[in-house]
N, C-alpha and C. Protein backbone atom coordinates (compact mmCIF):
# COMPACT_ATOMS: atom_id res chain seq x y z
N MET A 1 0.67 -1.15 0.08
CA MET A 1 0.27 0.25 0.41
C MET A 1 1.02 1.10 0.12
N LYS A 2 1.03 2.23 -0.87
CA LYS A 2 1.17 3.29 -1.12
C LYS A 2 1.10 4.31 0.67
N ARG A 3 1.79 4.99 0.93
CA ARG A 3 1.32 6.01 1.82
C ARG A 3 1.40 7.51 1.39
N PHE A 4 1.02 8.48 2.09
CA PHE A 4 0.77 9.59 1.70
C PHE A 4 0.87 10.65 2.44
N ASP A 5 1.96 11.65 2.13
CA ASP A 5 2.10 12.44 3.60
C ASP A 5 0.84 13.11 4.01
N MET A 6 0.65 13.28 5.14
CA MET A 6 -0.69 13.51 5.95
C MET A 6 -1.12 14.81 6.49
N ASP A 7 0.66 15.64 6.33
CA ASP A 7 0.44 16.64 7.04
C ASP A 7 0.02 18.00 6.02
N TYR A 8 -0.97 18.34 7.27
CA TYR A 8 -1.36 19.46 6.11
C TYR A 8 -1.85 21.16 7.01
N ASP A 9 -1.54 22.03 6.75
CA ASP A 9 -2.03 23.20 7.62
C ASP A 9 -3.43 23.34 7.20
N ILE A 10 -4.13 22.70 6.23
CA ILE A 10 -5.73 23.42 5.84
C ILE A 10 -5.88 22.48 5.41
N VAL A 11 -7.39 21.75 5.16
CA VAL A 11 -8.29 20.94 4.64
C VAL A 11 -9.57 21.42 4.13
N ILE A 12 -9.57 21.38 2.93
CA ILE A 12 -10.73 22.04 2.33
C ILE A 12 -11.56 21.25 1.62
N ILE A 13 -13.02 20.90 1.72
CA ILE A 13 -14.10 20.04 1.55
C ILE A 13 -14.77 21.07 0.68
N GLY A 14 -14.37 20.41 -0.71
CA GLY A 14 -15.56 21.04 -2.20
C GLY A 14 -14.60 22.47 -2.74
N GLY A 15 -14.47 22.34 -4.16
CA GLY A 15 -13.56 22.93 -4.26
C GLY A 15 -14.56 23.48 -6.13
N GLY A 16 -15.65 24.47 -4.95
CA GLY A 16 -16.36 24.88 -5.88
C GLY A 16 -15.79 26.50 -5.65
N SER A 17 -16.55 27.49 -5.85
CA SER A 17 -15.52 28.38 -6.19
C SER A 17 -14.86 29.19 -4.86
N ALA A 18 -15.93 28.87 -3.70
CA ALA A 18 -15.26 29.41 -2.76
C ALA A 18 -13.94 28.53 -2.06
N GLY A 19 -14.72 27.18 -2.38
CA GLY A 19 -13.15 26.14 -1.69
C GLY A 19 -12.21 26.63 -2.72
N PHE A 20 -12.26 26.71 -4.19
CA PHE A 20 -11.21 27.18 -5.27
C PHE A 20 -9.92 28.43 -4.75
N SER A 21 -11.06 29.11 -3.99
CA SER A 21 -10.47 30.67 -3.95
C SER A 21 -9.65 30.55 -2.30
N ALA A 22 -10.62 29.47 -1.49
CA ALA A 22 -9.96 29.52 -0.31
C ALA A 22 -8.50 29.12 0.02
N ALA A 23 -8.33 28.02 -1.17
CA ALA A 23 -6.95 26.86 -1.62
C ALA A 23 -6.17 28.10 -2.02
N ILE A 24 -6.23 29.11 -2.42
CA ILE A 24 -5.73 29.51 -3.79
C ILE A 24 -5.23 30.37 -2.66
N GLU A 25 -6.07 31.42 -1.82
CA GLU A 25 -5.15 32.07 -1.13
C GLU A 25 -4.85 31.72 0.16
N ALA A 26 -4.99 30.41 0.56
CA ALA A 26 -3.87 29.62 1.67
C ALA A 26 -2.32 29.54 1.37
N ARG A 27 -2.80 28.83 -0.18
CA ARG A 27 -1.23 28.76 -0.72
C ARG A 27 -0.18 30.49 -0.75
N LYS A 28 -1.33 31.05 -0.90
CA LYS A 28 -0.29 32.64 -1.07
C LYS A 28 0.18 33.13 0.61
N LEU A 29 -0.51 32.23 1.54
CA LEU A 29 0.22 32.45 2.76
C LEU A 29 1.45 31.24 2.70
N ASN A 30 1.57 30.39 2.31
CA ASN A 30 2.51 29.02 2.41
C ASN A 30 1.86 28.14 2.74
N ALA A 31 0.70 28.48 3.06
CA ALA A 31 -0.03 27.24 3.55
C ALA A 31 -0.03 25.92 2.93
N LYS A 32 0.34 24.59 3.40
CA LYS A 32 0.19 23.29 3.02
C LYS A 32 -1.03 22.50 2.70
N VAL A 33 -2.39 23.00 1.68
CA VAL A 33 -3.29 22.91 1.60
C VAL A 33 -3.61 21.28 0.73
N LEU A 34 -5.13 20.56 1.60
CA LEU A 34 -5.01 19.35 0.65
C LEU A 34 -6.75 20.41 0.52
N LEU A 35 -7.02 19.66 -0.89
CA LEU A 35 -8.63 19.97 -1.54
C LEU A 35 -9.25 19.04 -1.64
N ILE A 36 -10.30 18.83 -0.92
CA ILE A 36 -10.89 17.82 -1.71
C ILE A 36 -11.77 17.95 -2.54
N ASN A 37 -12.09 17.06 -3.53
CA ASN A 37 -13.49 17.17 -4.36
C ASN A 37 -13.85 16.34 -4.95
N ASP A 38 -14.95 16.29 -5.84
CA ASP A 38 -15.84 15.75 -6.87
C ASP A 38 -16.19 16.24 -8.03
N GLY A 39 -15.68 16.26 -8.62
CA GLY A 39 -15.91 16.47 -10.16
C GLY A 39 -15.13 17.80 -10.52
N LEU A 40 -15.85 18.59 -11.13
CA LEU A 40 -14.55 19.69 -11.72
C LEU A 40 -14.01 20.49 -10.59
N ILE A 41 -12.97 21.30 -10.86
CA ILE A 41 -12.63 22.38 -9.98
C ILE A 41 -13.11 23.39 -10.63
N GLY A 42 -13.72 24.19 -9.22
CA GLY A 42 -14.55 25.42 -9.89
C GLY A 42 -16.22 25.28 -9.68
N GLY A 43 -16.17 24.07 -9.28
CA GLY A 43 -17.78 23.84 -9.61
C GLY A 43 -18.96 24.22 -10.97
N THR A 44 -20.12 24.31 -9.93
CA THR A 44 -20.61 24.81 -10.87
C THR A 44 -20.85 26.14 -11.94
N CYS A 45 -20.88 26.99 -11.16
CA CYS A 45 -20.51 28.68 -11.39
C CYS A 45 -19.75 29.08 -12.29
N VAL A 46 -18.42 28.41 -11.78
CA VAL A 46 -17.36 28.67 -13.38
C VAL A 46 -17.00 27.76 -14.07
N ASN A 47 -18.16 26.78 -14.13
CA ASN A 47 -17.59 26.11 -15.48
C ASN A 47 -19.13 25.33 -16.22
N VAL A 48 -20.14 25.93 -15.66
CA VAL A 48 -21.24 25.87 -16.53
C VAL A 48 -22.71 27.12 -15.98
N GLY A 49 -22.46 27.85 -14.79
CA GLY A 49 -23.20 28.53 -14.89
C GLY A 49 -22.81 29.80 -14.93
N CYS A 50 -22.31 31.19 -13.83
CA CYS A 50 -22.41 32.39 -13.75
C CYS A 50 -20.76 32.21 -15.38
N VAL A 51 -20.05 32.27 -14.84
CA VAL A 51 -19.05 32.65 -15.77
C VAL A 51 -19.28 32.48 -17.41
N PRO A 52 -19.54 30.84 -17.54
CA PRO A 52 -19.73 31.34 -18.99
C PRO A 52 -20.81 31.80 -19.66
N SER A 53 -22.23 32.07 -18.62
CA SER A 53 -23.43 33.12 -19.02
C SER A 53 -22.83 34.70 -19.10
N LYS A 54 -21.87 34.76 -18.26
CA LYS A 54 -21.74 36.52 -18.33
C LYS A 54 -20.88 36.58 -19.80
N TYR A 55 -20.32 35.38 -20.21
CA TYR A 55 -18.79 35.44 -21.11
C TYR A 55 -19.83 35.29 -22.27
N LEU A 56 -21.00 35.00 -22.57
CA LEU A 56 -22.06 34.40 -23.88
C LEU A 56 -23.11 36.65 -23.85
N LEU A 57 -23.35 36.67 -23.01
CA LEU A 57 -23.70 37.99 -22.74
C LEU A 57 -22.62 39.29 -22.90
N LYS A 58 -22.04 39.12 -22.44
CA LYS A 58 -20.69 40.11 -23.13
C LYS A 58 -20.77 40.09 -24.63
N MET A 59 -20.32 38.64 -24.91
CA MET A 59 -19.62 38.60 -26.27
C MET A 59 -21.16 38.74 -27.11
N ALA A 60 -22.83 38.84 -27.14
CA ALA A 60 -23.49 39.45 -27.39
C ALA A 60 -23.94 41.23 -27.27
N GLU A 61 -23.23 41.68 -26.31
CA GLU A 61 -23.44 42.69 -25.86
C GLU A 61 -22.34 43.68 -27.09
N ILE A 62 -21.43 42.97 -27.29
CA ILE A 62 -20.41 43.97 -28.15
C ILE A 62 -20.33 43.33 -29.61
N GLY A 63 -20.98 42.07 -29.90
CA GLY A 63 -21.53 41.86 -31.28
C GLY A 63 -20.64 40.66 -31.63
N LYS A 64 -19.94 40.07 -31.13
CA LYS A 64 -18.43 39.38 -31.34
C LYS A 64 -19.12 37.91 -31.13
N PRO A 65 -19.02 37.15 -32.75
CA PRO A 65 -19.46 35.88 -32.98
C PRO A 65 -18.89 34.60 -31.75
N SER A 66 -19.21 33.84 -31.61
CA SER A 66 -18.73 32.44 -30.15
C SER A 66 -17.93 31.84 -31.34
N GLU A 67 -17.44 31.00 -30.52
CA GLU A 67 -16.40 30.15 -31.10
C GLU A 67 -17.55 28.83 -31.94
N ASN A 68 -18.43 28.75 -31.39
CA ASN A 68 -19.57 27.86 -31.96
C ASN A 68 -20.00 28.38 -33.00
N ASN A 69 -19.66 29.37 -33.51
CA ASN A 69 -20.19 30.09 -35.13
C ASN A 69 -19.20 30.16 -36.14
N ARG A 70 -19.21 29.42 -37.10
CA ARG A 70 -18.65 29.76 -38.31
C ARG A 70 -19.45 30.30 -39.34
N GLU A 71 -18.50 30.77 -40.28
CA GLU A 71 -19.30 31.58 -41.90
C GLU A 71 -19.06 30.53 -42.84
N ASN A 72 -20.40 30.80 -43.34
CA ASN A 72 -20.43 29.66 -44.47
C ASN A 72 -19.74 30.41 -46.21
N GLU A 73 -20.29 29.82 -47.11
CA GLU A 73 -19.59 30.66 -48.23
C GLU A 73 -20.17 31.71 -48.75
N GLU A 74 -21.02 32.12 -48.56
CA GLU A 74 -21.92 33.06 -48.45
C GLU A 74 -21.44 34.19 -47.37
N GLY A 75 -20.99 34.22 -46.22
CA GLY A 75 -20.58 35.09 -45.34
C GLY A 75 -21.78 34.69 -44.27
N LYS A 76 -22.59 33.91 -44.21
CA LYS A 76 -23.68 34.07 -42.99
C LYS A 76 -23.04 33.22 -42.05
N ILE A 77 -23.70 33.51 -41.07
CA ILE A 77 -22.94 32.79 -40.00
C ILE A 77 -24.23 30.98 -39.61
N ARG A 78 -23.60 30.09 -39.58
CA ARG A 78 -23.96 29.17 -39.57
C ARG A 78 -23.46 28.45 -37.36
N ARG A 79 -24.48 28.01 -37.10
CA ARG A 79 -24.30 27.23 -36.07
C ARG A 79 -23.61 26.01 -35.81
N THR A 80 -22.54 25.42 -35.32
CA THR A 80 -22.12 24.33 -35.31
C THR A 80 -22.35 23.51 -33.99
N ARG A 81 -22.17 22.53 -33.80
CA ARG A 81 -22.55 21.59 -32.41
C ARG A 81 -21.63 21.24 -31.27
N ARG A 82 -20.51 22.14 -31.64
CA ARG A 82 -19.14 22.14 -30.72
C ARG A 82 -19.58 22.82 -29.56
N ILE A 83 -19.12 22.03 -28.61
CA ILE A 83 -19.24 22.87 -26.96
C ILE A 83 -18.60 23.67 -27.12
N LEU A 84 -19.09 25.16 -26.21
CA LEU A 84 -18.18 26.87 -25.84
C LEU A 84 -17.32 26.21 -24.90
N ARG A 85 -15.73 25.96 -25.01
CA ARG A 85 -14.80 26.37 -24.21
C ARG A 85 -14.91 27.62 -23.56
N VAL A 86 -14.75 28.06 -22.27
CA VAL A 86 -14.11 29.38 -21.89
C VAL A 86 -12.85 29.37 -21.20
């Protein structure tokens, strides 16, 4: 059985936006951090909720097509089925 170092200054349960921010701030203070999470780091807000929504709203406001749109031969924008990665 592999042994792991279990000497941490702080253990954070949950890698959502608050947990992720707490881990970053603790590291800035030179703390040894263990972040326990299930799923994507950053949680729903960062990965599929608030942040991507704000990005799409901003792009619509300034009139910039997202990476999901491509121009065809006539110069018309057509939608593709790719996922927008921010």
